[in-house]
Amino acid sequence: MARSTAHGVAPVIQLNQQGNDVLIPVKVIPGASRDRIVGELDGALKVSVSAAPEKGAANKALCSLIARTIGLRTSQVTVEAGRTSPRKTLRVRDVPVEQVRAILPSS
C-alpha cells in the first residue's frame, strides 16, 4: 500500500510474485560514481552502478548490488528482461516478497 504525502500518494515500486520468485522493475544508471539504490522512478527501482554498460558489466554489478542488499547469493538475482536497456526486470529467486520489499526506499 502506498504512503500518503502532502501531495497525494507516494509512488510504489511494483513487485510481482511469480511462484517462489519476485520480479522487480528496475531503471539502471550505468557509469555512476558508486553502486547504490537511488529510489523510485515511475514504478521502478532506480539503481546507479559504477560499471559501464558494456559486455554485461552493468547488469552484473546490478545483480550483485541487489543480491548483497537483500542478503542473497549473486546467482539468485538475474536479468529477466531488458538486458540491453536501462529499463529491466530482475528475477530474485527463492525469496519472499516481504524480504525484497524491505530494501525498497518507498516501502
N, C-alpha and C. Protein backbone atom coordinates (compact mmCIF):
# COMPACT_ATOMS: atom_id res chain seq x y z
N MET A 1 0.84 -1.18 0.00
CA MET A 1 0.00 0.00 0.00
C MET A 1 0.88 1.25 0.00
N ALA A 2 0.52 2.24 -0.77
CA ALA A 2 1.31 3.47 -0.89
C ALA A 2 1.12 4.36 0.32
N ARG A 3 2.20 5.09 0.66
CA ARG A 3 2.12 6.04 1.77
C ARG A 3 1.52 7.34 1.26
N SER A 4 0.83 8.03 2.15
CA SER A 4 0.28 9.34 1.80
C SER A 4 1.36 10.39 1.98
N THR A 5 1.34 11.40 1.11
CA THR A 5 2.24 12.52 1.23
C THR A 5 1.41 13.79 1.19
N ALA A 6 2.05 14.92 1.32
CA ALA A 6 1.34 16.19 1.26
C ALA A 6 0.69 16.40 -0.10
N HIS A 7 1.24 15.74 -1.13
CA HIS A 7 0.72 15.92 -2.49
C HIS A 7 -0.09 14.74 -2.98
N GLY A 8 -0.44 13.82 -2.10
CA GLY A 8 -1.23 12.66 -2.52
C GLY A 8 -0.58 11.37 -2.06
N VAL A 9 -0.46 10.41 -2.98
CA VAL A 9 0.05 9.09 -2.65
C VAL A 9 1.49 8.97 -3.13
N ALA A 10 2.37 8.45 -2.28
CA ALA A 10 3.76 8.23 -2.66
C ALA A 10 3.84 7.13 -3.70
N PRO A 11 4.77 7.22 -4.64
CA PRO A 11 4.92 6.18 -5.66
C PRO A 11 5.36 4.86 -5.02
N VAL A 12 4.96 3.78 -5.64
CA VAL A 12 5.27 2.45 -5.12
C VAL A 12 5.94 1.64 -6.23
N ILE A 13 6.98 0.91 -5.86
CA ILE A 13 7.65 0.02 -6.81
C ILE A 13 6.79 -1.23 -6.96
N GLN A 14 6.48 -1.57 -8.19
CA GLN A 14 5.55 -2.65 -8.48
C GLN A 14 6.25 -4.00 -8.52
N LEU A 15 6.23 -4.71 -7.39
CA LEU A 15 6.81 -6.05 -7.32
C LEU A 15 5.78 -7.07 -7.76
N ASN A 16 6.25 -8.12 -8.44
CA ASN A 16 5.36 -9.21 -8.85
C ASN A 16 5.90 -10.52 -8.31
N GLN A 17 5.04 -11.25 -7.58
CA GLN A 17 5.40 -12.58 -7.09
C GLN A 17 5.10 -13.56 -8.20
N GLN A 18 6.05 -14.44 -8.51
CA GLN A 18 5.85 -15.47 -9.53
C GLN A 18 6.37 -16.78 -8.95
N GLY A 19 5.48 -17.55 -8.37
CA GLY A 19 5.89 -18.76 -7.66
C GLY A 19 6.72 -18.37 -6.44
N ASN A 20 7.93 -18.92 -6.34
CA ASN A 20 8.84 -18.58 -5.23
C ASN A 20 9.74 -17.40 -5.55
N ASP A 21 9.56 -16.81 -6.74
CA ASP A 21 10.42 -15.72 -7.20
C ASP A 21 9.69 -14.38 -7.13
N VAL A 22 10.48 -13.31 -7.13
CA VAL A 22 9.93 -11.95 -7.16
C VAL A 22 10.53 -11.24 -8.37
N LEU A 23 9.69 -10.57 -9.15
CA LEU A 23 10.13 -9.77 -10.29
C LEU A 23 10.15 -8.30 -9.87
N ILE A 24 11.25 -7.63 -10.14
CA ILE A 24 11.42 -6.22 -9.75
C ILE A 24 11.68 -5.39 -11.00
N PRO A 25 10.86 -4.38 -11.28
CA PRO A 25 11.18 -3.46 -12.38
C PRO A 25 12.29 -2.52 -11.92
N VAL A 26 13.27 -2.31 -12.80
CA VAL A 26 14.45 -1.52 -12.43
C VAL A 26 14.79 -0.53 -13.54
N LYS A 27 15.21 0.66 -13.14
CA LYS A 27 15.80 1.65 -14.05
C LYS A 27 17.25 1.79 -13.63
N VAL A 28 18.19 1.43 -14.51
CA VAL A 28 19.61 1.42 -14.17
C VAL A 28 20.31 2.64 -14.77
N ILE A 29 21.16 3.26 -13.96
CA ILE A 29 22.01 4.36 -14.40
C ILE A 29 23.45 3.85 -14.36
N PRO A 30 24.01 3.42 -15.50
CA PRO A 30 25.38 2.92 -15.51
C PRO A 30 26.40 4.07 -15.50
N GLY A 31 27.63 3.76 -15.15
CA GLY A 31 28.70 4.75 -15.18
C GLY A 31 28.62 5.79 -14.06
N ALA A 32 27.93 5.46 -12.97
CA ALA A 32 27.80 6.39 -11.84
C ALA A 32 29.08 6.35 -11.00
N SER A 33 29.17 7.23 -10.03
CA SER A 33 30.35 7.28 -9.17
C SER A 33 30.42 6.10 -8.21
N ARG A 34 29.26 5.51 -7.88
CA ARG A 34 29.24 4.36 -6.98
C ARG A 34 27.97 3.55 -7.20
N ASP A 35 27.96 2.32 -6.70
CA ASP A 35 26.79 1.45 -6.77
C ASP A 35 25.88 1.78 -5.60
N ARG A 36 24.61 2.06 -5.91
CA ARG A 36 23.66 2.34 -4.83
C ARG A 36 22.23 2.31 -5.34
N ILE A 37 21.31 2.05 -4.41
CA ILE A 37 19.89 2.15 -4.71
C ILE A 37 19.51 3.61 -4.50
N VAL A 38 18.98 4.23 -5.56
CA VAL A 38 18.70 5.66 -5.53
C VAL A 38 17.31 5.95 -5.00
N GLY A 39 16.32 5.19 -5.45
CA GLY A 39 14.94 5.44 -5.04
C GLY A 39 13.96 4.82 -6.02
N GLU A 40 12.87 5.51 -6.24
CA GLU A 40 11.80 5.03 -7.12
C GLU A 40 11.68 5.97 -8.30
N LEU A 41 11.40 5.42 -9.48
CA LEU A 41 11.16 6.22 -10.68
C LEU A 41 10.10 5.52 -11.52
N ASP A 42 8.95 6.14 -11.62
CA ASP A 42 7.86 5.62 -12.46
C ASP A 42 7.53 4.15 -12.17
N GLY A 43 7.43 3.80 -10.89
CA GLY A 43 7.05 2.44 -10.51
C GLY A 43 8.19 1.44 -10.53
N ALA A 44 9.42 1.91 -10.82
CA ALA A 44 10.58 1.02 -10.86
C ALA A 44 11.60 1.43 -9.80
N LEU A 45 12.44 0.48 -9.43
CA LEU A 45 13.53 0.74 -8.51
C LEU A 45 14.65 1.40 -9.31
N LYS A 46 15.06 2.60 -8.91
CA LYS A 46 16.14 3.31 -9.61
C LYS A 46 17.45 2.97 -8.92
N VAL A 47 18.41 2.46 -9.71
CA VAL A 47 19.69 2.00 -9.18
C VAL A 47 20.81 2.57 -10.04
N SER A 48 21.86 3.07 -9.38
CA SER A 48 23.04 3.51 -10.12
C SER A 48 24.17 2.51 -9.87
N VAL A 49 24.93 2.22 -10.93
CA VAL A 49 26.08 1.33 -10.83
C VAL A 49 27.28 2.00 -11.48
N SER A 50 28.46 1.74 -10.96
CA SER A 50 29.67 2.37 -11.50
C SER A 50 30.15 1.71 -12.79
N ALA A 51 29.74 0.48 -13.03
CA ALA A 51 30.17 -0.24 -14.23
C ALA A 51 29.57 0.39 -15.49
N ALA A 52 30.33 0.30 -16.56
CA ALA A 52 29.86 0.78 -17.87
C ALA A 52 28.89 -0.23 -18.47
N PRO A 53 28.00 0.24 -19.35
CA PRO A 53 27.04 -0.67 -19.97
C PRO A 53 27.66 -1.42 -21.15
N GLU A 54 28.75 -2.12 -20.88
CA GLU A 54 29.47 -2.85 -21.93
C GLU A 54 29.68 -4.30 -21.51
N LYS A 55 29.41 -5.22 -22.42
CA LYS A 55 29.65 -6.65 -22.20
C LYS A 55 28.98 -7.17 -20.94
N GLY A 56 27.84 -6.61 -20.57
CA GLY A 56 27.08 -7.09 -19.43
C GLY A 56 27.61 -6.66 -18.07
N ALA A 57 28.61 -5.77 -18.05
CA ALA A 57 29.22 -5.36 -16.77
C ALA A 57 28.22 -4.65 -15.86
N ALA A 58 27.40 -3.77 -16.42
CA ALA A 58 26.41 -3.06 -15.60
C ALA A 58 25.35 -4.02 -15.08
N ASN A 59 24.94 -4.98 -15.89
CA ASN A 59 23.96 -5.98 -15.43
C ASN A 59 24.53 -6.80 -14.28
N LYS A 60 25.79 -7.20 -14.40
CA LYS A 60 26.43 -7.98 -13.35
C LYS A 60 26.52 -7.17 -12.06
N ALA A 61 26.91 -5.90 -12.18
CA ALA A 61 27.00 -5.03 -11.00
C ALA A 61 25.63 -4.83 -10.36
N LEU A 62 24.60 -4.67 -11.19
CA LEU A 62 23.23 -4.51 -10.70
C LEU A 62 22.80 -5.74 -9.90
N CYS A 63 22.96 -6.91 -10.47
CA CYS A 63 22.55 -8.15 -9.80
C CYS A 63 23.32 -8.35 -8.50
N SER A 64 24.61 -8.04 -8.53
CA SER A 64 25.43 -8.17 -7.33
C SER A 64 24.96 -7.22 -6.23
N LEU A 65 24.68 -5.97 -6.58
CA LEU A 65 24.22 -4.99 -5.59
C LEU A 65 22.90 -5.42 -4.96
N ILE A 66 21.95 -5.84 -5.78
CA ILE A 66 20.64 -6.25 -5.26
C ILE A 66 20.79 -7.49 -4.37
N ALA A 67 21.57 -8.47 -4.82
CA ALA A 67 21.79 -9.68 -4.01
C ALA A 67 22.42 -9.33 -2.67
N ARG A 68 23.45 -8.51 -2.69
CA ARG A 68 24.13 -8.10 -1.46
C ARG A 68 23.18 -7.38 -0.52
N THR A 69 22.37 -6.49 -1.07
CA THR A 69 21.45 -5.70 -0.27
C THR A 69 20.38 -6.56 0.40
N ILE A 70 19.89 -7.56 -0.32
CA ILE A 70 18.86 -8.44 0.23
C ILE A 70 19.47 -9.52 1.12
N GLY A 71 20.75 -9.82 0.92
CA GLY A 71 21.41 -10.87 1.68
C GLY A 71 21.33 -12.22 1.00
N LEU A 72 21.46 -12.23 -0.32
CA LEU A 72 21.36 -13.45 -1.11
C LEU A 72 22.65 -13.72 -1.85
N ARG A 73 22.74 -14.91 -2.46
CA ARG A 73 23.83 -15.21 -3.39
C ARG A 73 23.58 -14.46 -4.69
N THR A 74 24.63 -14.03 -5.35
CA THR A 74 24.50 -13.30 -6.62
C THR A 74 23.75 -14.14 -7.65
N SER A 75 23.91 -15.45 -7.61
CA SER A 75 23.25 -16.32 -8.58
C SER A 75 21.73 -16.33 -8.44
N GLN A 76 21.20 -15.82 -7.33
CA GLN A 76 19.75 -15.77 -7.13
C GLN A 76 19.10 -14.57 -7.80
N VAL A 77 19.90 -13.64 -8.31
CA VAL A 77 19.36 -12.43 -8.95
C VAL A 77 19.82 -12.42 -10.40
N THR A 78 18.85 -12.40 -11.33
CA THR A 78 19.18 -12.41 -12.76
C THR A 78 18.34 -11.36 -13.49
N VAL A 79 18.82 -10.97 -14.66
CA VAL A 79 18.07 -10.05 -15.51
C VAL A 79 17.09 -10.89 -16.31
N GLU A 80 15.81 -10.68 -16.07
CA GLU A 80 14.74 -11.43 -16.74
C GLU A 80 14.42 -10.82 -18.10
N ALA A 81 14.42 -9.49 -18.17
CA ALA A 81 14.09 -8.79 -19.42
C ALA A 81 14.85 -7.46 -19.45
N GLY A 82 15.20 -7.02 -20.67
CA GLY A 82 15.84 -5.72 -20.83
C GLY A 82 17.35 -5.74 -20.71
N ARG A 83 17.98 -6.81 -21.12
CA ARG A 83 19.45 -6.93 -20.98
C ARG A 83 20.21 -5.75 -21.56
N THR A 84 19.76 -5.18 -22.66
CA THR A 84 20.48 -4.07 -23.30
C THR A 84 19.79 -2.73 -23.10
N SER A 85 18.81 -2.68 -22.24
CA SER A 85 18.04 -1.46 -21.99
C SER A 85 18.28 -0.96 -20.58
N PRO A 86 18.15 0.36 -20.35
CA PRO A 86 18.24 0.85 -18.98
C PRO A 86 17.06 0.39 -18.11
N ARG A 87 15.94 0.08 -18.75
CA ARG A 87 14.76 -0.44 -18.03
C ARG A 87 14.82 -1.95 -18.09
N LYS A 88 14.84 -2.57 -16.93
CA LYS A 88 14.99 -4.02 -16.84
C LYS A 88 13.97 -4.60 -15.88
N THR A 89 13.83 -5.91 -15.96
CA THR A 89 13.10 -6.66 -14.94
C THR A 89 14.07 -7.66 -14.36
N LEU A 90 14.24 -7.61 -13.04
CA LEU A 90 15.09 -8.57 -12.35
C LEU A 90 14.24 -9.68 -11.76
N ARG A 91 14.78 -10.89 -11.79
CA ARG A 91 14.14 -12.03 -11.12
C ARG A 91 14.99 -12.36 -9.90
N VAL A 92 14.35 -12.34 -8.73
CA VAL A 92 15.01 -12.72 -7.49
C VAL A 92 14.44 -14.07 -7.10
N ARG A 93 15.28 -15.08 -7.10
CA ARG A 93 14.83 -16.46 -6.92
C ARG A 93 14.75 -16.88 -5.44
N ASP A 94 13.69 -17.62 -5.16
CA ASP A 94 13.51 -18.28 -3.85
C ASP A 94 13.60 -17.31 -2.68
N VAL A 95 12.82 -16.25 -2.75
CA VAL A 95 12.80 -15.27 -1.67
C VAL A 95 11.38 -14.74 -1.52
N PRO A 96 10.92 -14.53 -0.29
CA PRO A 96 9.58 -13.97 -0.10
C PRO A 96 9.54 -12.50 -0.52
N VAL A 97 8.42 -12.08 -1.03
CA VAL A 97 8.26 -10.71 -1.49
C VAL A 97 8.52 -9.71 -0.35
N GLU A 98 8.21 -10.09 0.87
CA GLU A 98 8.43 -9.20 2.02
C GLU A 98 9.92 -8.89 2.22
N GLN A 99 10.77 -9.87 1.95
CA GLN A 99 12.22 -9.67 2.09
C GLN A 99 12.72 -8.67 1.04
N VAL A 100 12.17 -8.73 -0.16
CA VAL A 100 12.54 -7.78 -1.21
C VAL A 100 11.98 -6.41 -0.87
N ARG A 101 10.72 -6.36 -0.45
CA ARG A 101 10.08 -5.08 -0.13
C ARG A 101 10.83 -4.33 0.98
N ALA A 102 11.48 -5.05 1.87
CA ALA A 102 12.21 -4.43 2.98
C ALA A 102 13.36 -3.55 2.52
N ILE A 103 13.92 -3.80 1.33
CA ILE A 103 15.04 -2.98 0.85
C ILE A 103 14.58 -1.75 0.07
N LEU A 104 13.29 -1.70 -0.24
CA LEU A 104 12.79 -0.63 -1.10
C LEU A 104 12.67 0.70 -0.36
N PRO A 105 13.07 1.77 -1.02
CA PRO A 105 13.01 3.09 -0.38
C PRO A 105 11.61 3.57 -0.07
N SER A 106 10.60 3.13 -0.80
CA SER A 106 9.25 3.62 -0.56
C SER A 106 8.35 2.60 0.11
N SER A 107 8.97 1.60 0.78
CA SER A 107 8.14 0.57 1.44
C SER A 107 7.77 0.99 2.84
